[in-house]
Amino acid sequence: PGTWTFWESELIPKKNSGEYHMTFPSYSTDPGIDVVFTATDNYQNWLILYGCTQDDKKA
């Protein structure tokens, strides 16, 4: 047995402000989190929304 930790990410359209919902994997006890960006300077038109997930049932 072990723990598998990995990154999940997605590209989302950049706006001056916006709220995005980042969903968690199906095995998570929470559906996801809402992330609010008030300003972004990543890339010209896109930004990367990412988070670290952990699965104790794998590895």
N, C-alpha and C. Protein backbone atom coordinates (compact mmCIF):
# COMPACT_ATOMS: atom_id res chain seq x y z
N PRO A 1 0.83 -1.19 0.00
CA PRO A 1 0.00 0.00 0.00
C PRO A 1 0.87 1.26 0.00
N GLY A 2 0.31 2.32 -0.44
CA GLY A 2 1.03 3.58 -0.46
C GLY A 2 0.11 4.73 -0.82
N THR A 3 0.71 5.88 -1.00
CA THR A 3 -0.03 7.08 -1.35
C THR A 3 0.49 7.61 -2.67
N TRP A 4 -0.43 7.95 -3.54
CA TRP A 4 -0.07 8.50 -4.84
C TRP A 4 -0.47 9.97 -4.84
N THR A 5 0.50 10.87 -4.96
CA THR A 5 0.24 12.30 -5.01
C THR A 5 0.56 12.80 -6.40
N PHE A 6 -0.35 13.56 -6.99
CA PHE A 6 -0.13 14.02 -8.36
C PHE A 6 -0.81 15.36 -8.57
N TRP A 7 -0.42 16.04 -9.64
CA TRP A 7 -0.97 17.35 -9.97
C TRP A 7 -2.02 17.21 -11.05
N GLU A 8 -3.09 17.97 -10.92
CA GLU A 8 -4.11 18.05 -11.95
C GLU A 8 -4.23 19.51 -12.34
N SER A 9 -4.40 19.76 -13.62
CA SER A 9 -4.48 21.16 -14.05
C SER A 9 -5.39 21.28 -15.26
N GLU A 10 -5.79 22.50 -15.53
CA GLU A 10 -6.57 22.79 -16.72
C GLU A 10 -6.32 24.24 -17.12
N LEU A 11 -6.40 24.49 -18.41
CA LEU A 11 -6.28 25.86 -18.90
C LEU A 11 -7.66 26.48 -18.91
N ILE A 12 -7.78 27.68 -18.40
CA ILE A 12 -9.07 28.37 -18.39
C ILE A 12 -8.89 29.75 -18.99
N PRO A 13 -9.92 30.32 -19.60
CA PRO A 13 -9.80 31.65 -20.19
C PRO A 13 -9.46 32.70 -19.14
N LYS A 14 -8.57 33.59 -19.47
CA LYS A 14 -8.18 34.64 -18.53
C LYS A 14 -9.17 35.79 -18.60
N LYS A 15 -9.56 36.29 -17.44
CA LYS A 15 -10.42 37.47 -17.33
C LYS A 15 -9.82 38.35 -16.25
N ASN A 16 -10.22 39.60 -16.20
CA ASN A 16 -9.70 40.48 -15.14
C ASN A 16 -10.14 40.02 -13.77
N SER A 17 -11.31 39.46 -13.69
CA SER A 17 -11.76 38.84 -12.45
C SER A 17 -12.72 37.74 -12.84
N GLY A 18 -12.76 36.72 -12.05
CA GLY A 18 -13.66 35.63 -12.37
C GLY A 18 -13.60 34.55 -11.31
N GLU A 19 -14.63 33.74 -11.29
CA GLU A 19 -14.69 32.64 -10.36
C GLU A 19 -14.76 31.35 -11.16
N TYR A 20 -13.94 30.39 -10.77
CA TYR A 20 -13.87 29.13 -11.48
C TYR A 20 -14.02 28.00 -10.47
N HIS A 21 -14.65 26.93 -10.90
CA HIS A 21 -14.83 25.77 -10.02
C HIS A 21 -13.86 24.69 -10.45
N MET A 22 -12.97 24.31 -9.55
CA MET A 22 -12.02 23.24 -9.82
C MET A 22 -12.56 21.97 -9.19
N THR A 23 -12.90 21.01 -10.01
CA THR A 23 -13.48 19.77 -9.50
C THR A 23 -12.39 18.83 -9.00
N PHE A 24 -12.72 18.05 -7.99
CA PHE A 24 -11.81 17.06 -7.45
C PHE A 24 -12.13 15.71 -8.08
N PRO A 25 -11.21 14.75 -8.00
CA PRO A 25 -11.47 13.41 -8.53
C PRO A 25 -12.66 12.76 -7.83
N SER A 26 -13.20 11.74 -8.46
CA SER A 26 -14.42 11.09 -7.95
C SER A 26 -14.25 10.47 -6.57
N TYR A 27 -13.04 10.08 -6.21
CA TYR A 27 -12.83 9.44 -4.91
C TYR A 27 -12.74 10.46 -3.76
N SER A 28 -12.74 11.75 -4.06
CA SER A 28 -12.64 12.78 -3.03
C SER A 28 -13.96 12.89 -2.27
N THR A 29 -13.87 13.28 -1.01
CA THR A 29 -15.09 13.49 -0.23
C THR A 29 -15.70 14.86 -0.48
N ASP A 30 -14.98 15.75 -1.15
CA ASP A 30 -15.50 17.07 -1.52
C ASP A 30 -15.61 17.16 -3.03
N PRO A 31 -16.62 17.86 -3.54
CA PRO A 31 -16.80 17.95 -4.99
C PRO A 31 -15.76 18.84 -5.67
N GLY A 32 -15.22 19.83 -4.95
CA GLY A 32 -14.24 20.74 -5.54
C GLY A 32 -14.19 22.03 -4.76
N ILE A 33 -13.48 23.00 -5.32
CA ILE A 33 -13.36 24.30 -4.67
C ILE A 33 -13.63 25.40 -5.69
N ASP A 34 -14.11 26.53 -5.21
CA ASP A 34 -14.27 27.72 -6.04
C ASP A 34 -13.03 28.58 -5.85
N VAL A 35 -12.43 28.99 -6.96
CA VAL A 35 -11.24 29.83 -6.93
C VAL A 35 -11.58 31.15 -7.58
N VAL A 36 -11.25 32.26 -6.92
CA VAL A 36 -11.54 33.59 -7.45
C VAL A 36 -10.23 34.29 -7.79
N PHE A 37 -10.14 34.77 -9.03
CA PHE A 37 -8.98 35.53 -9.46
C PHE A 37 -9.39 36.99 -9.60
N THR A 38 -8.68 37.87 -8.94
CA THR A 38 -8.96 39.30 -9.10
C THR A 38 -8.08 39.92 -10.16
N ALA A 39 -6.94 39.33 -10.40
CA ALA A 39 -6.04 39.81 -11.46
C ALA A 39 -5.12 38.67 -11.85
N THR A 40 -4.75 38.62 -13.09
CA THR A 40 -3.85 37.58 -13.55
C THR A 40 -2.84 38.18 -14.51
N ASP A 41 -1.66 37.63 -14.50
CA ASP A 41 -0.67 38.07 -15.46
C ASP A 41 0.01 36.87 -16.14
N ASN A 42 -0.63 35.72 -16.05
CA ASN A 42 -0.11 34.52 -16.69
C ASN A 42 -0.56 34.48 -18.14
N TYR A 43 0.34 34.30 -19.03
CA TYR A 43 0.05 34.18 -20.45
C TYR A 43 -0.81 35.35 -20.93
N GLN A 44 -1.04 35.39 -22.20
CA GLN A 44 -1.80 36.51 -22.74
C GLN A 44 -3.31 36.28 -22.64
N ASN A 45 -3.76 35.05 -22.90
CA ASN A 45 -5.19 34.79 -22.92
C ASN A 45 -5.64 33.67 -22.00
N TRP A 46 -4.71 32.96 -21.39
CA TRP A 46 -5.07 31.79 -20.59
C TRP A 46 -4.29 31.79 -19.29
N LEU A 47 -4.81 31.13 -18.30
CA LEU A 47 -4.05 30.89 -17.09
C LEU A 47 -4.23 29.43 -16.71
N ILE A 48 -3.36 28.96 -15.86
CA ILE A 48 -3.40 27.55 -15.46
C ILE A 48 -3.96 27.46 -14.05
N LEU A 49 -5.03 26.70 -13.89
CA LEU A 49 -5.61 26.42 -12.58
C LEU A 49 -5.15 25.02 -12.21
N TYR A 50 -4.45 24.89 -11.09
CA TYR A 50 -3.91 23.59 -10.75
C TYR A 50 -4.03 23.33 -9.26
N GLY A 51 -3.96 22.07 -8.92
CA GLY A 51 -4.00 21.68 -7.53
C GLY A 51 -3.38 20.31 -7.36
N CYS A 52 -3.00 20.00 -6.16
CA CYS A 52 -2.38 18.72 -5.86
C CYS A 52 -3.44 17.80 -5.27
N THR A 53 -3.49 16.58 -5.75
CA THR A 53 -4.44 15.61 -5.22
C THR A 53 -3.69 14.40 -4.69
N GLN A 54 -4.33 13.68 -3.81
CA GLN A 54 -3.70 12.53 -3.19
C GLN A 54 -4.69 11.38 -3.17
N ASP A 55 -4.20 10.19 -3.47
CA ASP A 55 -5.04 9.00 -3.46
C ASP A 55 -4.35 7.93 -2.63
N ASP A 56 -4.89 7.63 -1.48
CA ASP A 56 -4.29 6.62 -0.61
C ASP A 56 -4.57 5.20 -1.10
N LYS A 57 -5.43 5.05 -2.09
CA LYS A 57 -5.81 3.73 -2.57
C LYS A 57 -4.92 3.25 -3.71
N LYS A 58 -3.95 4.06 -4.10
CA LYS A 58 -3.09 3.70 -5.22
C LYS A 58 -1.64 3.70 -4.79
N ALA A 59 -0.78 3.24 -5.66
CA ALA A 59 0.68 3.22 -5.51
C ALA A 59 1.16 1.83 -5.17
